[in-house]
Amino acid sequence: MSWTFEKATEQFELFKQRAVADATFRALALADPKKAIEELGGLELPEGIEIVITEDANGELQAKALLTDPASSAERELDEAELEQVAGGTTFASFIQYDSTVKTGFPPKRR
C-alpha cells in the first residue's frame, strides 16, 4: 500500500490516539517520528518527506511535514520526460529573419 492524502490523514489520527494512550510510543514519536510512523502503520515515508513532531505548552503534539528535494539537479540524471523538455535543436527556418522592407524577387502584387 502506498501513501495517499486520505491514508496520511488516517495515519495521523491513529498516531495522535496512540501517542495519548502509549507513553513509550509518544517518546518515540518525539525522538524519531519517522520510525514511529513506520511502526504504527508499516509504511515508510516517501523520499523527500520529513516529519517533525513537537509538544506544545499544553502537552499536545504538533506535527509538521517538511518537503525536501530528494536529490538536487546536480546529483541526479534527468529522466526521459525532462530530457524531452530540454532537448535542443533548430531548423533552417529559425535563422531566417523576416523583413518586410526587403524585396523578395517575387512578382509584385497586382492591384
PDB file of N, CA and C in Angstrom:
ATOM      1  N   MET A   1       0.847  -1.181   0.000  1.00  0.00           N
ATOM      2  CA  MET A   1       0.000   0.000   0.000  1.00  0.00           C
ATOM      3  C   MET A   1       0.889   1.239   0.000  1.00  0.00           C
ATOM      4  N   SER A   2       0.471   2.268  -0.691  1.00  0.00           N
ATOM      5  CA  SER A   2       1.258   3.489  -0.752  1.00  0.00           C
ATOM      6  C   SER A   2       0.483   4.635  -0.101  1.00  0.00           C
ATOM      7  N   TRP A   3       1.166   5.740   0.080  1.00  0.00           N
ATOM      8  CA  TRP A   3       0.571   6.901   0.726  1.00  0.00           C
ATOM      9  C   TRP A   3      -0.380   7.636  -0.215  1.00  0.00           C
ATOM     10  N   THR A   4      -1.489   8.035   0.344  1.00  0.00           N
ATOM     11  CA  THR A   4      -2.426   8.942  -0.308  1.00  0.00           C
ATOM     12  C   THR A   4      -2.767  10.000   0.730  1.00  0.00           C
ATOM     13  N   PHE A   5      -3.428  11.060   0.316  1.00  0.00           N
ATOM     14  CA  PHE A   5      -3.831  12.086   1.272  1.00  0.00           C
ATOM     15  C   PHE A   5      -4.739  11.489   2.343  1.00  0.00           C
ATOM     16  N   GLU A   6      -5.675  10.657   1.911  1.00  0.00           N
ATOM     17  CA  GLU A   6      -6.607  10.034   2.846  1.00  0.00           C
ATOM     18  C   GLU A   6      -5.868   9.119   3.822  1.00  0.00           C
ATOM     19  N   LYS A   7      -4.917   8.349   3.302  1.00  0.00           N
ATOM     20  CA  LYS A   7      -4.143   7.436   4.147  1.00  0.00           C
ATOM     21  C   LYS A   7      -3.306   8.225   5.147  1.00  0.00           C
ATOM     22  N   ALA A   8      -2.708   9.330   4.715  1.00  0.00           N
ATOM     23  CA  ALA A   8      -1.898  10.157   5.612  1.00  0.00           C
ATOM     24  C   ALA A   8      -2.767  10.737   6.724  1.00  0.00           C
ATOM     25  N   THR A   9      -3.959  11.212   6.396  1.00  0.00           N
ATOM     26  CA  THR A   9      -4.873  11.767   7.396  1.00  0.00           C
ATOM     27  C   THR A   9      -5.286  10.698   8.404  1.00  0.00           C
ATOM     28  N   GLU A  10      -5.611   9.522   7.884  1.00  0.00           N
ATOM     29  CA  GLU A  10      -5.998   8.400   8.749  1.00  0.00           C
ATOM     30  C   GLU A  10      -4.851   8.011   9.680  1.00  0.00           C
ATOM     31  N   GLN A  11      -3.643   7.909   9.137  1.00  0.00           N
ATOM     32  CA  GLN A  11      -2.494   7.525   9.945  1.00  0.00           C
ATOM     33  C   GLN A  11      -2.165   8.573  11.008  1.00  0.00           C
ATOM     34  N   PHE A  12      -2.334   9.854  10.676  1.00  0.00           N
ATOM     35  CA  PHE A  12      -2.050  10.889  11.661  1.00  0.00           C
ATOM     36  C   PHE A  12      -3.040  10.821  12.814  1.00  0.00           C
ATOM     37  N   GLU A  13      -4.304  10.519  12.528  1.00  0.00           N
ATOM     38  CA  GLU A  13      -5.294  10.370  13.601  1.00  0.00           C
ATOM     39  C   GLU A  13      -4.919   9.193  14.510  1.00  0.00           C
ATOM     40  N   LEU A  14      -4.542   8.065  13.909  1.00  0.00           N
ATOM     41  CA  LEU A  14      -4.100   6.913  14.707  1.00  0.00           C
ATOM     42  C   LEU A  14      -2.846   7.248  15.503  1.00  0.00           C
ATOM     43  N   PHE A  15      -1.951   8.004  14.881  1.00  0.00           N
ATOM     44  CA  PHE A  15      -0.710   8.435  15.513  1.00  0.00           C
ATOM     45  C   PHE A  15      -1.025   9.238  16.776  1.00  0.00           C
ATOM     46  N   LYS A  16      -1.935  10.210  16.674  1.00  0.00           N
ATOM     47  CA  LYS A  16      -2.290  11.047  17.824  1.00  0.00           C
ATOM     48  C   LYS A  16      -2.941  10.208  18.929  1.00  0.00           C
ATOM     49  N   GLN A  17      -3.851   9.309  18.554  1.00  0.00           N
ATOM     50  CA  GLN A  17      -4.531   8.482  19.543  1.00  0.00           C
ATOM     51  C   GLN A  17      -3.546   7.591  20.296  1.00  0.00           C
ATOM     52  N   ARG A  18      -2.638   6.998  19.549  1.00  0.00           N
ATOM     53  CA  ARG A  18      -1.670   6.106  20.203  1.00  0.00           C
ATOM     54  C   ARG A  18      -0.699   6.900  21.071  1.00  0.00           C
ATOM     55  N   ALA A  19      -0.306   8.092  20.629  1.00  0.00           N
ATOM     56  CA  ALA A  19       0.610   8.916  21.412  1.00  0.00           C
ATOM     57  C   ALA A  19      -0.008   9.338  22.742  1.00  0.00           C
ATOM     58  N   VAL A  20      -1.332   9.511  22.776  1.00  0.00           N
ATOM     59  CA  VAL A  20      -2.020   9.862  24.020  1.00  0.00           C
ATOM     60  C   VAL A  20      -2.087   8.646  24.943  1.00  0.00           C
ATOM     61  N   ALA A  21      -2.335   7.479  24.388  1.00  0.00           N
ATOM     62  CA  ALA A  21      -2.552   6.267  25.183  1.00  0.00           C
ATOM     63  C   ALA A  21      -1.266   5.535  25.565  1.00  0.00           C
ATOM     64  N   ASP A  22      -0.191   5.723  24.810  1.00  0.00           N
ATOM     65  CA  ASP A  22       1.031   4.926  24.998  1.00  0.00           C
ATOM     66  C   ASP A  22       2.232   5.860  25.180  1.00  0.00           C
ATOM     67  N   ALA A  23       2.717   5.964  26.423  1.00  0.00           N
ATOM     68  CA  ALA A  23       3.832   6.868  26.737  1.00  0.00           C
ATOM     69  C   ALA A  23       5.111   6.480  26.006  1.00  0.00           C
ATOM     70  N   THR A  24       5.341   5.200  25.808  1.00  0.00           N
ATOM     71  CA  THR A  24       6.542   4.748  25.098  1.00  0.00           C
ATOM     72  C   THR A  24       6.487   5.186  23.635  1.00  0.00           C
ATOM     73  N   PHE A  25       5.302   5.029  23.017  1.00  0.00           N
ATOM     74  CA  PHE A  25       5.139   5.461  21.631  1.00  0.00           C
ATOM     75  C   PHE A  25       5.271   6.975  21.513  1.00  0.00           C
ATOM     76  N   ARG A  26       4.747   7.712  22.481  1.00  0.00           N
ATOM     77  CA  ARG A  26       4.849   9.178  22.481  1.00  0.00           C
ATOM     78  C   ARG A  26       6.312   9.601  22.515  1.00  0.00           C
ATOM     79  N   ALA A  27       7.092   8.951  23.361  1.00  0.00           N
ATOM     80  CA  ALA A  27       8.526   9.268  23.451  1.00  0.00           C
ATOM     81  C   ALA A  27       9.217   8.970  22.125  1.00  0.00           C
ATOM     82  N   LEU A  28       8.863   7.856  21.505  1.00  0.00           N
ATOM     83  CA  LEU A  28       9.432   7.508  20.199  1.00  0.00           C
ATOM     84  C   LEU A  28       9.013   8.536  19.149  1.00  0.00           C
ATOM     85  N   ALA A  29       7.768   8.963  19.192  1.00  0.00           N
ATOM     86  CA  ALA A  29       7.270   9.948  18.225  1.00  0.00           C
ATOM     87  C   ALA A  29       8.039  11.257  18.322  1.00  0.00           C
ATOM     88  N   LEU A  30       8.357  11.663  19.530  1.00  0.00           N
ATOM     89  CA  LEU A  30       9.106  12.909  19.712  1.00  0.00           C
ATOM     90  C   LEU A  30      10.571  12.744  19.324  1.00  0.00           C
ATOM     91  N   ALA A  31      11.135  11.576  19.599  1.00  0.00           N
ATOM     92  CA  ALA A  31      12.558  11.338  19.317  1.00  0.00           C
ATOM     93  C   ALA A  31      12.823  10.971  17.861  1.00  0.00           C
ATOM     94  N   ASP A  32      11.961  10.131  17.277  1.00  0.00           N
ATOM     95  CA  ASP A  32      12.185   9.642  15.914  1.00  0.00           C
ATOM     96  C   ASP A  32      10.834   9.435  15.219  1.00  0.00           C
ATOM     97  N   PRO A  33      10.231  10.538  14.748  1.00  0.00           N
ATOM     98  CA  PRO A  33       8.888  10.436  14.150  1.00  0.00           C
ATOM     99  C   PRO A  33       8.809   9.461  12.986  1.00  0.00           C
ATOM    100  N   LYS A  34       9.855   9.412  12.178  1.00  0.00           N
ATOM    101  CA  LYS A  34       9.844   8.512  11.018  1.00  0.00           C
ATOM    102  C   LYS A  34       9.704   7.059  11.468  1.00  0.00           C
ATOM    103  N   LYS A  35      10.464   6.678  12.475  1.00  0.00           N
ATOM    104  CA  LYS A  35      10.396   5.312  12.992  1.00  0.00           C
ATOM    105  C   LYS A  35       9.037   5.030  13.628  1.00  0.00           C
ATOM    106  N   ALA A  36       8.488   6.023  14.324  1.00  0.00           N
ATOM    107  CA  ALA A  36       7.171   5.858  14.944  1.00  0.00           C
ATOM    108  C   ALA A  36       6.092   5.648  13.886  1.00  0.00           C
ATOM    109  N   ILE A  37       6.169   6.390  12.805  1.00  0.00           N
ATOM    110  CA  ILE A  37       5.187   6.246  11.720  1.00  0.00           C
ATOM    111  C   ILE A  37       5.298   4.873  11.082  1.00  0.00           C
ATOM    112  N   GLU A  38       6.516   4.419  10.864  1.00  0.00           N
ATOM    113  CA  GLU A  38       6.722   3.094  10.277  1.00  0.00           C
ATOM    114  C   GLU A  38       6.202   2.006  11.208  1.00  0.00           C
ATOM    115  N   GLU A  39       6.427   2.168  12.519  1.00  0.00           N
ATOM    116  CA  GLU A  39       5.950   1.191  13.498  1.00  0.00           C
ATOM    117  C   GLU A  39       4.422   1.164  13.553  1.00  0.00           C
ATOM    118  N   LEU A  40       3.820   2.334  13.451  1.00  0.00           N
ATOM    119  CA  LEU A  40       2.365   2.447  13.553  1.00  0.00           C
ATOM    120  C   LEU A  40       1.641   1.792  12.379  1.00  0.00           C
ATOM    121  N   GLY A  41       2.060   2.135  11.170  1.00  0.00           N
ATOM    122  CA  GLY A  41       1.304   1.665  10.010  1.00  0.00           C
ATOM    123  C   GLY A  41       2.042   0.728   9.089  1.00  0.00           C
ATOM    124  N   GLY A  42       3.318   0.512   9.342  1.00  0.00           N
ATOM    125  CA  GLY A  42       4.085  -0.368   8.476  1.00  0.00           C
ATOM    126  C   GLY A  42       4.478   0.258   7.152  1.00  0.00           C
ATOM    127  N   LEU A  43       4.207   1.544   6.986  1.00  0.00           N
ATOM    128  CA  LEU A  43       4.554   2.238   5.747  1.00  0.00           C
ATOM    129  C   LEU A  43       5.748   3.153   5.978  1.00  0.00           C
ATOM    130  N   GLU A  44       6.684   3.134   5.039  1.00  0.00           N
ATOM    131  CA  GLU A  44       7.802   4.062   5.105  1.00  0.00           C
ATOM    132  C   GLU A  44       7.378   5.379   4.483  1.00  0.00           C
ATOM    133  N   LEU A  45       7.911   6.464   5.032  1.00  0.00           N
ATOM    134  CA  LEU A  45       7.640   7.769   4.435  1.00  0.00           C
ATOM    135  C   LEU A  45       8.301   7.835   3.074  1.00  0.00           C
ATOM    136  N   PRO A  46       7.647   8.466   2.118  1.00  0.00           N
ATOM    137  CA  PRO A  46       8.262   8.628   0.807  1.00  0.00           C
ATOM    138  C   PRO A  46       9.536   9.478   0.910  1.00  0.00           C
ATOM    139  N   GLU A  47      10.450   9.238  -0.003  1.00  0.00           N
ATOM    140  CA  GLU A  47      11.686  10.015  -0.040  1.00  0.00           C
ATOM    141  C   GLU A  47      11.333  11.487  -0.252  1.00  0.00           C
ATOM    142  N   GLY A  48      12.014  12.344   0.483  1.00  0.00           N
ATOM    143  CA  GLY A  48      11.783  13.774   0.346  1.00  0.00           C
ATOM    144  C   GLY A  48      10.764  14.339   1.322  1.00  0.00           C
ATOM    145  N   ILE A  49      10.205  13.495   2.194  1.00  0.00           N
ATOM    146  CA  ILE A  49       9.267  13.967   3.208  1.00  0.00           C
ATOM    147  C   ILE A  49       9.843  13.675   4.580  1.00  0.00           C
ATOM    148  N   GLU A  50       9.884  14.713   5.389  1.00  0.00           N
ATOM    149  CA  GLU A  50      10.369  14.581   6.757  1.00  0.00           C
ATOM    150  C   GLU A  50       9.261  15.071   7.681  1.00  0.00           C
ATOM    151  N   ILE A  51       9.031  14.350   8.770  1.00  0.00           N
ATOM    152  CA  ILE A  51       8.013  14.726   9.744  1.00  0.00           C
ATOM    153  C   ILE A  51       8.715  15.205  11.014  1.00  0.00           C
ATOM    154  N   VAL A  52       8.286  16.347  11.527  1.00  0.00           N
ATOM    155  CA  VAL A  52       8.813  16.887  12.776  1.00  0.00           C
ATOM    156  C   VAL A  52       7.647  16.933  13.763  1.00  0.00           C
ATOM    157  N   ILE A  53       7.818  16.282  14.911  1.00  0.00           N
ATOM    158  CA  ILE A  53       6.799  16.262  15.950  1.00  0.00           C
ATOM    159  C   ILE A  53       7.334  17.059  17.136  1.00  0.00           C
ATOM    160  N   THR A  54       6.525  17.997  17.621  1.00  0.00           N
ATOM    161  CA  THR A  54       6.883  18.774  18.803  1.00  0.00           C
ATOM    162  C   THR A  54       5.716  18.724  19.781  1.00  0.00           C
ATOM    163  N   GLU A  55       6.019  19.083  21.011  1.00  0.00           N
ATOM    164  CA  GLU A  55       5.000  19.107  22.049  1.00  0.00           C
ATOM    165  C   GLU A  55       4.812  20.556  22.475  1.00  0.00           C
ATOM    166  N   ASP A  56       3.569  21.047  22.446  1.00  0.00           N
ATOM    167  CA  ASP A  56       3.336  22.434  22.834  1.00  0.00           C
ATOM    168  C   ASP A  56       3.236  22.558  24.358  1.00  0.00           C
ATOM    169  N   ALA A  57       3.020  23.774  24.849  1.00  0.00           N
ATOM    170  CA  ALA A  57       2.973  24.041  26.287  1.00  0.00           C
ATOM    171  C   ALA A  57       1.846  23.287  26.985  1.00  0.00           C
ATOM    172  N   ASN A  58       0.801  22.939  26.262  1.00  0.00           N
ATOM    173  CA  ASN A  58      -0.331  22.193  26.832  1.00  0.00           C
ATOM    174  C   ASN A  58      -0.135  20.685  26.772  1.00  0.00           C
ATOM    175  N   GLY A  59       1.008  20.237  26.247  1.00  0.00           N
ATOM    176  CA  GLY A  59       1.281  18.809  26.147  1.00  0.00           C
ATOM    177  C   GLY A  59       0.707  18.160  24.907  1.00  0.00           C
ATOM    178  N   GLU A  60       0.161  18.960  23.999  1.00  0.00           N
ATOM    179  CA  GLU A  60      -0.387  18.410  22.760  1.00  0.00           C
ATOM    180  C   GLU A  60       0.710  18.300  21.715  1.00  0.00           C
ATOM    181  N   LEU A  61       0.629  17.241  20.913  1.00  0.00           N
ATOM    182  CA  LEU A  61       1.612  17.042  19.847  1.00  0.00           C
ATOM    183  C   LEU A  61       1.253  17.889  18.636  1.00  0.00           C
ATOM    184  N   GLN A  62       2.258  18.484  18.065  1.00  0.00           N
ATOM    185  CA  GLN A  62       2.115  19.254  16.833  1.00  0.00           C
ATOM    186  C   GLN A  62       2.983  18.563  15.783  1.00  0.00           C
ATOM    187  N   ALA A  63       2.468  18.430  14.580  1.00  0.00           N
ATOM    188  CA  ALA A  63       3.220  17.763  13.507  1.00  0.00           C
ATOM    189  C   ALA A  63       3.400  18.716  12.348  1.00  0.00           C
ATOM    190  N   LYS A  64       4.584  18.659  11.758  1.00  0.00           N
ATOM    191  CA  LYS A  64       4.877  19.422  10.544  1.00  0.00           C
ATOM    192  C   LYS A  64       5.487  18.463   9.537  1.00  0.00           C
ATOM    193  N   ALA A  65       5.043  18.581   8.315  1.00  0.00           N
ATOM    194  CA  ALA A  65       5.634  17.796   7.228  1.00  0.00           C
ATOM    195  C   ALA A  65       6.529  18.730   6.434  1.00  0.00           C
ATOM    196  N   LEU A  66       7.777  18.353   6.294  1.00  0.00           N
ATOM    197  CA  LEU A  66       8.736  19.135   5.530  1.00  0.00           C
ATOM    198  C   LEU A  66       9.012  18.410   4.228  1.00  0.00           C
ATOM    199  N   LEU A  67       8.836  19.110   3.135  1.00  0.00           N
ATOM    200  CA  LEU A  67       9.097  18.529   1.826  1.00  0.00           C
ATOM    201  C   LEU A  67      10.458  19.001   1.357  1.00  0.00           C
ATOM    202  N   THR A  68      11.286  18.071   1.005  1.00  0.00           N
ATOM    203  CA  THR A  68      12.610  18.401   0.509  1.00  0.00           C
ATOM    204  C   THR A  68      12.822  17.726  -0.829  1.00  0.00           C
ATOM    205  N   ASP A  69      13.722  18.282  -1.604  1.00  0.00           N
ATOM    206  CA  ASP A  69      14.082  17.668  -2.877  1.00  0.00           C
ATOM    207  C   ASP A  69      15.012  16.511  -2.557  1.00  0.00           C
ATOM    208  N   PRO A  70      14.622  15.280  -2.891  1.00  0.00           N
ATOM    209  CA  PRO A  70      15.443  14.129  -2.536  1.00  0.00           C
ATOM    210  C   PRO A  70      16.841  14.168  -3.138  1.00  0.00           C
ATOM    211  N   ALA A  71      16.994  14.804  -4.248  1.00  0.00           N
ATOM    212  CA  ALA A  71      18.312  14.929  -4.866  1.00  0.00           C
ATOM    213  C   ALA A  71      18.327  16.216  -5.671  1.00  0.00           C
ATOM    214  N   SER A  72      19.360  16.984  -5.498  1.00  0.00           N
ATOM    215  CA  SER A  72      19.420  18.210  -6.289  1.00  0.00           C
ATOM    216  C   SER A  72      19.706  17.847  -7.737  1.00  0.00           C
ATOM    217  N   SER A  73      19.438  18.777  -8.631  1.00  0.00           N
ATOM    218  CA  SER A  73      19.625  18.500 -10.049  1.00  0.00           C
ATOM    219  C   SER A  73      21.081  18.175 -10.373  1.00  0.00           C
ATOM    220  N   ALA A  74      22.008  18.636  -9.535  1.00  0.00           N
ATOM    221  CA  ALA A  74      23.417  18.343  -9.772  1.00  0.00           C
ATOM    222  C   ALA A  74      23.765  16.904  -9.382  1.00  0.00           C
ATOM    223  N   GLU A  75      22.898  16.256  -8.605  1.00  0.00           N
ATOM    224  CA  GLU A  75      23.201  14.929  -8.081  1.00  0.00           C
ATOM    225  C   GLU A  75      22.497  13.800  -8.820  1.00  0.00           C
ATOM    226  N   ARG A  76      21.661  14.112  -9.789  1.00  0.00           N
ATOM    227  CA  ARG A  76      20.939  13.038 -10.463  1.00  0.00           C
ATOM    228  C   ARG A  76      20.870  13.303 -11.960  1.00  0.00           C
ATOM    229  N   GLU A  77      20.563  12.253 -12.667  1.00  0.00           N
ATOM    230  CA  GLU A  77      20.393  12.376 -14.111  1.00  0.00           C
ATOM    231  C   GLU A  77      18.948  12.736 -14.417  1.00  0.00           C
ATOM    232  N   LEU A  78      18.739  13.395 -15.540  1.00  0.00           N
ATOM    233  CA  LEU A  78      17.389  13.734 -15.964  1.00  0.00           C
ATOM    234  C   LEU A  78      16.679  12.482 -16.459  1.00  0.00           C
ATOM    235  N   ASP A  79      15.369  12.401 -16.165  1.00  0.00           N
ATOM    236  CA  ASP A  79      14.616  11.273 -16.703  1.00  0.00           C
ATOM    237  C   ASP A  79      14.199  11.601 -18.140  1.00  0.00           C
ATOM    238  N   GLU A  80      13.563  10.658 -18.806  1.00  0.00           N
ATOM    239  CA  GLU A  80      13.221  10.825 -20.222  1.00  0.00           C
ATOM    240  C   GLU A  80      12.320  12.038 -20.475  1.00  0.00           C
ATOM    241  N   ALA A  81      11.322  12.243 -19.611  1.00  0.00           N
ATOM    242  CA  ALA A  81      10.406  13.378 -19.792  1.00  0.00           C
ATOM    243  C   ALA A  81      11.156  14.708 -19.663  1.00  0.00           C
ATOM    244  N   GLU A  82      12.078  14.783 -18.693  1.00  0.00           N
ATOM    245  CA  GLU A  82      12.858  16.007 -18.518  1.00  0.00           C
ATOM    246  C   GLU A  82      13.792  16.233 -19.702  1.00  0.00           C
ATOM    247  N   LEU A  83      14.356  15.150 -20.227  1.00  0.00           N
ATOM    248  CA  LEU A  83      15.229  15.276 -21.389  1.00  0.00           C
ATOM    249  C   LEU A  83      14.471  15.807 -22.596  1.00  0.00           C
ATOM    250  N   GLU A  84      13.236  15.348 -22.768  1.00  0.00           N
ATOM    251  CA  GLU A  84      12.422  15.827 -23.887  1.00  0.00           C
ATOM    252  C   GLU A  84      12.172  17.328 -23.789  1.00  0.00           C
ATOM    253  N   GLN A  85      12.014  17.829 -22.565  1.00  0.00           N
ATOM    254  CA  GLN A  85      11.733  19.250 -22.381  1.00  0.00           C
ATOM    255  C   GLN A  85      12.948  20.127 -22.683  1.00  0.00           C
ATOM    256  N   VAL A  86      14.137  19.595 -22.462  1.00  0.00           N
ATOM    257  CA  VAL A  86      15.327  20.420 -22.656  1.00  0.00           C
ATOM    258  C   VAL A  86      16.090  20.077 -23.925  1.00  0.00           C
ATOM    259  N   ALA A  87      15.612  19.069 -24.651  1.00  0.00           N
ATOM    260  CA  ALA A  87      16.318  18.664 -25.871  1.00  0.00           C
ATOM    261  C   ALA A  87      16.372  19.845 -26.835  1.00  0.00           C
ATOM    262  N   GLY A  88      17.535  20.111 -27.324  1.00  0.00           N
ATOM    263  CA  GLY A  88      17.723  21.250 -28.222  1.00  0.00           C
ATOM    264  C   GLY A  88      17.540  20.854 -29.673  1.00  0.00           C
ATOM    265  N   GLY A  89      17.739  21.799 -30.506  1.00  0.00           N
ATOM    266  CA  GLY A  89      17.621  21.560 -31.930  1.00  0.00           C
ATOM    267  C   GLY A  89      17.059  22.793 -32.589  1.00  0.00           C
ATOM    268  N   THR A  90      17.248  22.869 -33.862  1.00  0.00           N
ATOM    269  CA  THR A  90      16.736  24.011 -34.603  1.00  0.00           C
ATOM    270  C   THR A  90      16.505  23.604 -36.041  1.00  0.00           C
ATOM    271  N   THR A  91      15.849  24.448 -36.737  1.00  0.00           N
ATOM    272  CA  THR A  91      15.626  24.214 -38.153  1.00  0.00           C
ATOM    273  C   THR A  91      16.248  25.369 -38.920  1.00  0.00           C
ATOM    274  N   PHE A  92      16.414  25.178 -40.204  1.00  0.00           N
ATOM    275  CA  PHE A  92      16.972  26.242 -41.026  1.00  0.00           C
ATOM    276  C   PHE A  92      16.107  27.495 -40.952  1.00  0.00           C
ATOM    277  N   ALA A  93      14.801  27.297 -40.863  1.00  0.00           N
ATOM    278  CA  ALA A  93      13.875  28.426 -40.811  1.00  0.00           C
ATOM    279  C   ALA A  93      14.123  29.307 -39.591  1.00  0.00           C
ATOM    280  N   SER A  94      14.714  28.770 -38.556  1.00  0.00           N
ATOM    281  CA  SER A  94      14.994  29.563 -37.365  1.00  0.00           C
ATOM    282  C   SER A  94      15.985  30.673 -37.644  1.00  0.00           C
ATOM    283  N   PHE A  95      16.793  30.518 -38.678  1.00  0.00           N
ATOM    284  CA  PHE A  95      17.806  31.512 -38.988  1.00  0.00           C
ATOM    285  C   PHE A  95      17.310  32.589 -39.956  1.00  0.00           C
ATOM    286  N   ILE A  96      16.163  32.392 -40.540  1.00  0.00           N
ATOM    287  CA  ILE A  96      15.622  33.353 -41.496  1.00  0.00           C
ATOM    288  C   ILE A  96      14.869  34.426 -40.733  1.00  0.00           C
ATOM    289  N   GLN A  97      15.216  35.650 -40.986  1.00  0.00           N
ATOM    290  CA  GLN A  97      14.515  36.758 -40.354  1.00  0.00           C
ATOM    291  C   GLN A  97      13.634  37.424 -41.390  1.00  0.00           C
ATOM    292  N   TYR A  98      12.460  37.743 -41.008  1.00  0.00           N
ATOM    293  CA  TYR A  98      11.527  38.378 -41.922  1.00  0.00           C
ATOM    294  C   TYR A  98      11.689  39.890 -41.825  1.00  0.00           C
ATOM    295  N   ASP A  99      11.866  40.513 -42.951  1.00  0.00           N
ATOM    296  CA  ASP A  99      11.966  41.965 -43.016  1.00  0.00           C
ATOM    297  C   ASP A  99      11.073  42.416 -44.164  1.00  0.00           C
ATOM    298  N   SER A 100       9.995  43.119 -43.846  1.00  0.00           N
ATOM    299  CA  SER A 100       9.022  43.492 -44.864  1.00  0.00           C
ATOM    300  C   SER A 100       9.570  44.535 -45.843  1.00  0.00           C
ATOM    301  N   THR A 101      10.692  45.152 -45.527  1.00  0.00           N
ATOM    302  CA  THR A 101      11.249  46.165 -46.429  1.00  0.00           C
ATOM    303  C   THR A 101      12.154  45.555 -47.487  1.00  0.00           C
ATOM    304  N   VAL A 102      12.512  44.305 -47.331  1.00  0.00           N
ATOM    305  CA  VAL A 102      13.402  43.652 -48.297  1.00  0.00           C
ATOM    306  C   VAL A 102      12.569  43.122 -49.451  1.00  0.00           C
ATOM    307  N   LYS A 103      13.036  43.391 -50.687  1.00  0.00           N
ATOM    308  CA  LYS A 103      12.339  42.877 -51.864  1.00  0.00           C
ATOM    309  C   LYS A 103      12.677  41.403 -51.988  1.00  0.00           C
ATOM    310  N   THR A 104      11.681  40.619 -52.229  1.00  0.00           N
ATOM    311  CA  THR A 104      11.869  39.178 -52.260  1.00  0.00           C
ATOM    312  C   THR A 104      12.160  38.639 -53.645  1.00  0.00           C
ATOM    313  N   GLY A 105      11.933  39.391 -54.666  1.00  0.00           N
ATOM    314  CA  GLY A 105      12.138  38.893 -56.008  1.00  0.00           C
ATOM    315  C   GLY A 105      10.909  38.210 -56.564  1.00  0.00           C
ATOM    316  N   PHE A 106       9.872  38.112 -55.751  1.00  0.00           N
ATOM    317  CA  PHE A 106       8.642  37.526 -56.232  1.00  0.00           C
ATOM    318  C   PHE A 106       7.918  38.576 -57.079  1.00  0.00           C
ATOM    319  N   PRO A 107       7.043  38.123 -57.941  1.00  0.00           N
ATOM    320  CA  PRO A 107       6.290  39.097 -58.753  1.00  0.00           C
ATOM    321  C   PRO A 107       5.554  40.067 -57.842  1.00  0.00           C
ATOM    322  N   PRO A 108       5.463  41.307 -58.251  1.00  0.00           N
ATOM    323  CA  PRO A 108       4.760  42.308 -57.461  1.00  0.00           C
ATOM    324  C   PRO A 108       3.273  41.956 -57.333  1.00  0.00           C
ATOM    325  N   LYS A 109       2.672  42.439 -56.302  1.00  0.00           N
ATOM    326  CA  LYS A 109       1.244  42.216 -56.102  1.00  0.00           C
ATOM    327  C   LYS A 109       0.452  43.016 -57.090  1.00  0.00           C
ATOM    328  N   ARG A 110      -0.570  42.443 -57.614  1.00  0.00           N
ATOM    329  CA  ARG A 110      -1.439  43.153 -58.545  1.00  0.00           C
ATOM    330  C   ARG A 110      -2.496  43.898 -57.763  1.00  0.00           C
ATOM    331  N   ARG A 111      -2.813  45.040 -58.300  1.00  0.00           N
ATOM    332  CA  ARG A 111      -3.827  45.841 -57.622  1.00  0.00           C
ATOM    333  C   ARG A 111      -5.144  45.746 -58.282  1.00  0.00           C
TER     334      ARG A 111
END
